[in-house]
């Protein structure tokens, strides 16, 4: 499905399903709204899917894997070859996020959307072998940015067709906190220093190189703040684009998609800037330790559930939300109602 077709398919949440789910919560034998965000997420999922019955047992984490030309500027602690190594580890189940996924019944489905080399990870949605160095020109063409967005949309279409009812966004790409900070700085109109953290453990000198590279990329490329695709193409990455496409696809196909941390939040903001309605279909998981994370969530109009000081990436924070959500769904689906136990229902008091 093309980007234009996807955007045309995005509609408001299903109010009837939302109302039905809210009434179900109010009928359950407990104080009104006492499970807080558990209740809100279940109600939101009902609105997303158009169904007050929860069908989220089949779920997947989709790490978008891509390389970034800006690593040439010394902005990372590790070399670019690590992207491919970790991407293949997703297949063997040997990453932190994979261990977490096994714990909560979630399949890991990595996508090579733009790694520098081919690996055992499927390449049918690959846009290119990494982006260009954004300090010397645009990271990608606008056409490549759209292609990467459409790759994310296609993943959601495939997974819905396969019966998946809940998706988590993840990423793997050495240098992607640099691209994410660049995009965040432009879209939020904030100083680069405020948007940039140490990523996967940079030294002070490394952080300075990273800030300098981002400033240089913005100066050279002059991304248009009012055009999210232009910003993505000039200073973003294929992994960010793929995740943004997943958020757009989730809205178009009625599939709840969970935001991970900083990089995923940047992708979510791109999707929301492309189509504001998309924001209603996103679920925030946690507040990343990266300095700009809370500002991005604020811009998205989202409140995260978890505050665990996580900054691992891979989709680990998104997956960490699943057990919390599962508990809420269990109460929603199986708890006795006031009518069942012959007790008067709580009333909303003003």
Foldseek 3Di string as FASTA:
>chain_A
DAPVVLLVLFDFFQVVQLVVLQVLQLQFPDPRCPLPVLSVVLSLLCRLQVHNADQALAEAEEAEQAEAQQVVLVLFPDDFVVSQVVLVCLVVLPDPLSVLCVVRVYRYQYEDQADLDDDPHDDPLHLYNHFHNLLVWWRADLVSLSSLLVSLLVVLVVVVVVPHAEYEYFYGYTPQLLLLLLLCCLQVVHQSVQSHDSAPHNDPVSSVSSSVSSVSSCVVYVFDNLQLSSSCGNRHISSLSSLLSNLSNSSSNSHAYEQAERSSLSSVVSNCSVPVSSLSRYAYAEYELRSCGVVSCVVSVYDHDYYDNHRPTRRNRVSVCSVVNVVSSCSSPDGDGCVRVVHDGDDDDD
